[in-house]
């Protein structure tokens, strides 16, 4: 499965894109696929599962756009780790349990960026939830790449 994924991603690493380092391209492909999954899941969950409604859990009411983000997060955490580890940083010498712990730390920061960003853009500024979420993905993907490359999957020998 790992080799098949890498072969598919590398197929799209064509001449005009080869100014981008292969690892960065692979990270972008893995991350892009996970972000696409995240956006589709967020839209589907917000509109069709939660029906754009807030949810009352008895002790707390969570707005629909935040709950959609949290549900999406639970799913894409694991798909993102798998794709990042397999496609982009498969040569990392960091042990798996350390990778997932570090990956979780970076993801928690991303989750906080998304949470406070959605609260600001949707709750305060009144922007629509889906476009707000899309804009926040640009911020979190940039931060995530730098953190994953230099922290989570960092090779000491390189």
C-alpha atoms as a PDB file:
ATOM      1  CA  UNK A   1       0.000   0.000   0.000  1.00  0.00           C
ATOM      2  CA  UNK A   2       2.828   2.394   0.934  1.00  0.00           C
ATOM      3  CA  UNK A   3       4.654   1.937  -2.367  1.00  0.00           C
ATOM      4  CA  UNK A   4       1.425   2.292  -4.334  1.00  0.00           C
ATOM      5  CA  UNK A   5       0.595   5.607  -2.614  1.00  0.00           C
ATOM      6  CA  UNK A   6       4.079   6.976  -3.242  1.00  0.00           C
ATOM      7  CA  UNK A   7       3.984   5.814  -6.881  1.00  0.00           C
ATOM      8  CA  UNK A   8       0.653   7.584  -7.420  1.00  0.00           C
ATOM      9  CA  UNK A   9       1.903  10.803  -5.813  1.00  0.00           C
ATOM     10  CA  UNK A  10       5.213  10.698  -7.691  1.00  0.00           C
ATOM     11  CA  UNK A  11       3.333  10.251 -10.986  1.00  0.00           C
ATOM     12  CA  UNK A  12       2.163  13.864 -10.615  1.00  0.00           C
ATOM     13  CA  UNK A  13       5.682  15.144  -9.902  1.00  0.00           C
ATOM     14  CA  UNK A  14       6.067  16.364 -13.472  1.00  0.00           C
ATOM     15  CA  UNK A  15       8.810  18.559 -14.991  1.00  0.00           C
ATOM     16  CA  UNK A  16       7.162  21.953 -14.366  1.00  0.00           C
ATOM     17  CA  UNK A  17       6.832  21.089 -10.659  1.00  0.00           C
ATOM     18  CA  UNK A  18      10.324  19.710 -10.147  1.00  0.00           C
ATOM     19  CA  UNK A  19      11.625  23.011  -8.792  1.00  0.00           C
ATOM     20  CA  UNK A  20       9.805  21.917  -5.611  1.00  0.00           C
ATOM     21  CA  UNK A  21      11.804  19.414  -3.521  1.00  0.00           C
ATOM     22  CA  UNK A  22      10.285  15.921  -3.779  1.00  0.00           C
ATOM     23  CA  UNK A  23       9.631  15.665  -0.028  1.00  0.00           C
ATOM     24  CA  UNK A  24       7.825  19.011  -0.042  1.00  0.00           C
ATOM     25  CA  UNK A  25       5.770  17.921  -3.057  1.00  0.00           C
ATOM     26  CA  UNK A  26       4.859  14.661  -1.344  1.00  0.00           C
ATOM     27  CA  UNK A  27       3.910  16.516   1.840  1.00  0.00           C
ATOM     28  CA  UNK A  28       1.762  18.878  -0.191  1.00  0.00           C
ATOM     29  CA  UNK A  29       0.048  15.977  -1.919  1.00  0.00           C
ATOM     30  CA  UNK A  30      -0.586  14.094   1.335  1.00  0.00           C
ATOM     31  CA  UNK A  31      -1.682  17.251   3.117  1.00  0.00           C
ATOM     32  CA  UNK A  32      -3.786  18.374   0.183  1.00  0.00           C
ATOM     33  CA  UNK A  33      -5.584  15.060   0.097  1.00  0.00           C
ATOM     34  CA  UNK A  34      -6.233  15.241   3.838  1.00  0.00           C
ATOM     35  CA  UNK A  35      -7.392  18.880   3.628  1.00  0.00           C
ATOM     36  CA  UNK A  36      -9.725  17.973   0.772  1.00  0.00           C
ATOM     37  CA  UNK A  37     -11.131  15.133   2.866  1.00  0.00           C
ATOM     38  CA  UNK A  38     -11.411  17.547   5.803  1.00  0.00           C
ATOM     39  CA  UNK A  39     -13.292  20.158   3.764  1.00  0.00           C
ATOM     40  CA  UNK A  40     -15.745  17.627   2.325  1.00  0.00           C
ATOM     41  CA  UNK A  41     -16.325  16.057   5.752  1.00  0.00           C
ATOM     42  CA  UNK A  42     -16.761  19.471   7.402  1.00  0.00           C
ATOM     43  CA  UNK A  43     -19.294  20.587   4.787  1.00  0.00           C
ATOM     44  CA  UNK A  44     -21.199  17.300   4.947  1.00  0.00           C
ATOM     45  CA  UNK A  45     -21.246  17.112   8.754  1.00  0.00           C
ATOM     46  CA  UNK A  46     -22.180  20.782   9.234  1.00  0.00           C
ATOM     47  CA  UNK A  47     -24.954  20.739   6.633  1.00  0.00           C
ATOM     48  CA  UNK A  48     -26.340  17.188   6.676  1.00  0.00           C
ATOM     49  CA  UNK A  49     -25.458  15.657  10.032  1.00  0.00           C
ATOM     50  CA  UNK A  50     -25.832  18.701  12.290  1.00  0.00           C
ATOM     51  CA  UNK A  51     -28.251  20.557   9.965  1.00  0.00           C
ATOM     52  CA  UNK A  52     -26.391  23.807  10.743  1.00  0.00           C
ATOM     53  CA  UNK A  53     -27.765  23.663  14.281  1.00  0.00           C
ATOM     54  CA  UNK A  54     -26.133  24.055  17.667  1.00  0.00           C
ATOM     55  CA  UNK A  55     -26.082  20.949  19.856  1.00  0.00           C
ATOM     56  CA  UNK A  56     -27.106  21.055  23.520  1.00  0.00           C
ATOM     57  CA  UNK A  57     -25.216  18.454  25.556  1.00  0.00           C
ATOM     58  CA  UNK A  58     -26.993  19.421  28.793  1.00  0.00           C
ATOM     59  CA  UNK A  59     -24.025  21.106  30.460  1.00  0.00           C
ATOM     60  CA  UNK A  60     -22.753  22.917  27.373  1.00  0.00           C
ATOM     61  CA  UNK A  61     -24.097  24.042  24.010  1.00  0.00           C
ATOM     62  CA  UNK A  62     -21.662  23.685  21.123  1.00  0.00           C
ATOM     63  CA  UNK A  63     -22.283  25.665  17.968  1.00  0.00           C
ATOM     64  CA  UNK A  64     -22.754  23.637  14.810  1.00  0.00           C
ATOM     65  CA  UNK A  65     -19.693  25.014  13.052  1.00  0.00           C
ATOM     66  CA  UNK A  66     -17.438  24.175  16.017  1.00  0.00           C
ATOM     67  CA  UNK A  67     -18.884  20.692  16.512  1.00  0.00           C
ATOM     68  CA  UNK A  68     -18.447  19.989  12.785  1.00  0.00           C
ATOM     69  CA  UNK A  69     -14.801  21.001  13.131  1.00  0.00           C
ATOM     70  CA  UNK A  70     -14.303  18.694  16.134  1.00  0.00           C
ATOM     71  CA  UNK A  71     -15.898  15.685  14.424  1.00  0.00           C
ATOM     72  CA  UNK A  72     -13.854  16.336  11.288  1.00  0.00           C
ATOM     73  CA  UNK A  73     -10.724  16.599  13.409  1.00  0.00           C
ATOM     74  CA  UNK A  74     -11.184  13.172  14.974  1.00  0.00           C
ATOM     75  CA  UNK A  75     -11.320  11.530  11.560  1.00  0.00           C
ATOM     76  CA  UNK A  76      -8.619  13.497   9.759  1.00  0.00           C
ATOM     77  CA  UNK A  77      -6.135  13.217  12.627  1.00  0.00           C
ATOM     78  CA  UNK A  78      -5.547   9.571  11.800  1.00  0.00           C
ATOM     79  CA  UNK A  79      -5.707   9.885   8.018  1.00  0.00           C
ATOM     80  CA  UNK A  80      -3.322  12.847   8.187  1.00  0.00           C
ATOM     81  CA  UNK A  81      -0.798  11.014  10.351  1.00  0.00           C
ATOM     82  CA  UNK A  82      -0.862   7.967   8.112  1.00  0.00           C
ATOM     83  CA  UNK A  83      -0.460   9.956   4.891  1.00  0.00           C
ATOM     84  CA  UNK A  84       2.221  12.261   6.285  1.00  0.00           C
ATOM     85  CA  UNK A  85       4.226   9.431   7.793  1.00  0.00           C
ATOM     86  CA  UNK A  86       3.864   7.153   4.776  1.00  0.00           C
ATOM     87  CA  UNK A  87       4.077   9.487   1.795  1.00  0.00           C
ATOM     88  CA  UNK A  88       6.126  12.494   2.901  1.00  0.00           C
ATOM     89  CA  UNK A  89       8.376  11.385   5.731  1.00  0.00           C
ATOM     90  CA  UNK A  90       8.706   7.637   5.230  1.00  0.00           C
ATOM     91  CA  UNK A  91      12.465   7.858   5.731  1.00  0.00           C
ATOM     92  CA  UNK A  92      12.216   9.323   9.234  1.00  0.00           C
ATOM     93  CA  UNK A  93      14.302   7.561  11.873  1.00  0.00           C
ATOM     94  CA  UNK A  94      12.106   8.809  14.719  1.00  0.00           C
ATOM     95  CA  UNK A  95      10.248   5.939  16.401  1.00  0.00           C
ATOM     96  CA  UNK A  96       6.524   5.598  15.683  1.00  0.00           C
ATOM     97  CA  UNK A  97       5.239   6.314  19.196  1.00  0.00           C
ATOM     98  CA  UNK A  98       7.345   9.490  19.329  1.00  0.00           C
ATOM     99  CA  UNK A  99       6.080  10.515  15.882  1.00  0.00           C
ATOM    100  CA  UNK A 100       2.426  10.196  16.819  1.00  0.00           C
ATOM    101  CA  UNK A 101       2.950  12.061  20.103  1.00  0.00           C
ATOM    102  CA  UNK A 102       4.723  14.921  18.327  1.00  0.00           C
ATOM    103  CA  UNK A 103       2.182  14.834  15.522  1.00  0.00           C
ATOM    104  CA  UNK A 104      -0.566  15.162  18.135  1.00  0.00           C
ATOM    105  CA  UNK A 105       1.154  18.191  19.654  1.00  0.00           C
ATOM    106  CA  UNK A 106       1.302  19.948  16.294  1.00  0.00           C
ATOM    107  CA  UNK A 107      -2.289  19.011  15.552  1.00  0.00           C
ATOM    108  CA  UNK A 108      -3.458  20.421  18.896  1.00  0.00           C
ATOM    109  CA  UNK A 109      -1.892  23.769  17.959  1.00  0.00           C
ATOM    110  CA  UNK A 110      -3.679  23.541  14.590  1.00  0.00           C
ATOM    111  CA  UNK A 111      -6.933  22.722  16.363  1.00  0.00           C
ATOM    112  CA  UNK A 112      -6.544  25.813  18.548  1.00  0.00           C
ATOM    113  CA  UNK A 113      -5.821  27.956  15.477  1.00  0.00           C
ATOM    114  CA  UNK A 114      -8.976  26.568  13.853  1.00  0.00           C
ATOM    115  CA  UNK A 115     -11.098  26.987  16.976  1.00  0.00           C
ATOM    116  CA  UNK A 116     -10.141  30.572  17.711  1.00  0.00           C
ATOM    117  CA  UNK A 117     -10.060  31.397  14.005  1.00  0.00           C
ATOM    118  CA  UNK A 118     -13.619  30.114  13.519  1.00  0.00           C
ATOM    119  CA  UNK A 119     -14.775  31.939  16.628  1.00  0.00           C
ATOM    120  CA  UNK A 120     -13.267  35.154  15.246  1.00  0.00           C
ATOM    121  CA  UNK A 121     -14.237  34.806  11.587  1.00  0.00           C
ATOM    122  CA  UNK A 122     -17.685  33.275  12.058  1.00  0.00           C
ATOM    123  CA  UNK A 123     -18.693  34.266  15.580  1.00  0.00           C
ATOM    124  CA  UNK A 124     -17.360  37.830  15.657  1.00  0.00           C
ATOM    125  CA  UNK A 125     -16.994  38.903  12.012  1.00  0.00           C
ATOM    126  CA  UNK A 126     -20.039  36.996  10.731  1.00  0.00           C
ATOM    127  CA  UNK A 127     -18.323  35.253   7.791  1.00  0.00           C
ATOM    128  CA  UNK A 128     -19.783  31.983   6.517  1.00  0.00           C
ATOM    129  CA  UNK A 129     -18.387  28.880   8.266  1.00  0.00           C
ATOM    130  CA  UNK A 130     -17.159  26.884   5.247  1.00  0.00           C
ATOM    131  CA  UNK A 131     -15.126  29.687   3.591  1.00  0.00           C
ATOM    132  CA  UNK A 132     -13.759  30.671   7.018  1.00  0.00           C
ATOM    133  CA  UNK A 133     -12.650  27.105   7.574  1.00  0.00           C
ATOM    134  CA  UNK A 134     -11.018  27.030   4.131  1.00  0.00           C
ATOM    135  CA  UNK A 135      -9.013  30.200   4.851  1.00  0.00           C
ATOM    136  CA  UNK A 136      -7.823  28.803   8.162  1.00  0.00           C
ATOM    137  CA  UNK A 137      -6.511  25.711   6.390  1.00  0.00           C
ATOM    138  CA  UNK A 138      -3.917  27.857   4.594  1.00  0.00           C
ATOM    139  CA  UNK A 139      -2.571  29.040   7.947  1.00  0.00           C
ATOM    140  CA  UNK A 140      -2.559  25.611   9.550  1.00  0.00           C
ATOM    141  CA  UNK A 141      -1.022  23.808   6.562  1.00  0.00           C
ATOM    142  CA  UNK A 142       1.912  26.230   6.479  1.00  0.00           C
ATOM    143  CA  UNK A 143       2.532  25.912  10.205  1.00  0.00           C
ATOM    144  CA  UNK A 144       2.053  22.153  10.093  1.00  0.00           C
ATOM    145  CA  UNK A 145       4.564  21.557   7.289  1.00  0.00           C
ATOM    146  CA  UNK A 146       7.299  23.456   9.081  1.00  0.00           C
ATOM    147  CA  UNK A 147       6.587  21.752  12.405  1.00  0.00           C
ATOM    148  CA  UNK A 148       6.303  18.250  10.947  1.00  0.00           C
ATOM    149  CA  UNK A 149       9.487  18.609   8.901  1.00  0.00           C
ATOM    150  CA  UNK A 150      11.634  20.118  11.626  1.00  0.00           C
ATOM    151  CA  UNK A 151      10.106  18.511  14.721  1.00  0.00           C
ATOM    152  CA  UNK A 152       7.823  15.485  14.309  1.00  0.00           C
ATOM    153  CA  UNK A 153       9.673  13.573  11.603  1.00  0.00           C
ATOM    154  CA  UNK A 154      13.066  15.257  11.913  1.00  0.00           C
ATOM    155  CA  UNK A 155      16.038  13.034  11.114  1.00  0.00           C
ATOM    156  CA  UNK A 156      19.034  13.751  13.297  1.00  0.00           C
ATOM    157  CA  UNK A 157      21.404  12.361  10.678  1.00  0.00           C
ATOM    158  CA  UNK A 158      20.299  14.893   8.025  1.00  0.00           C
END
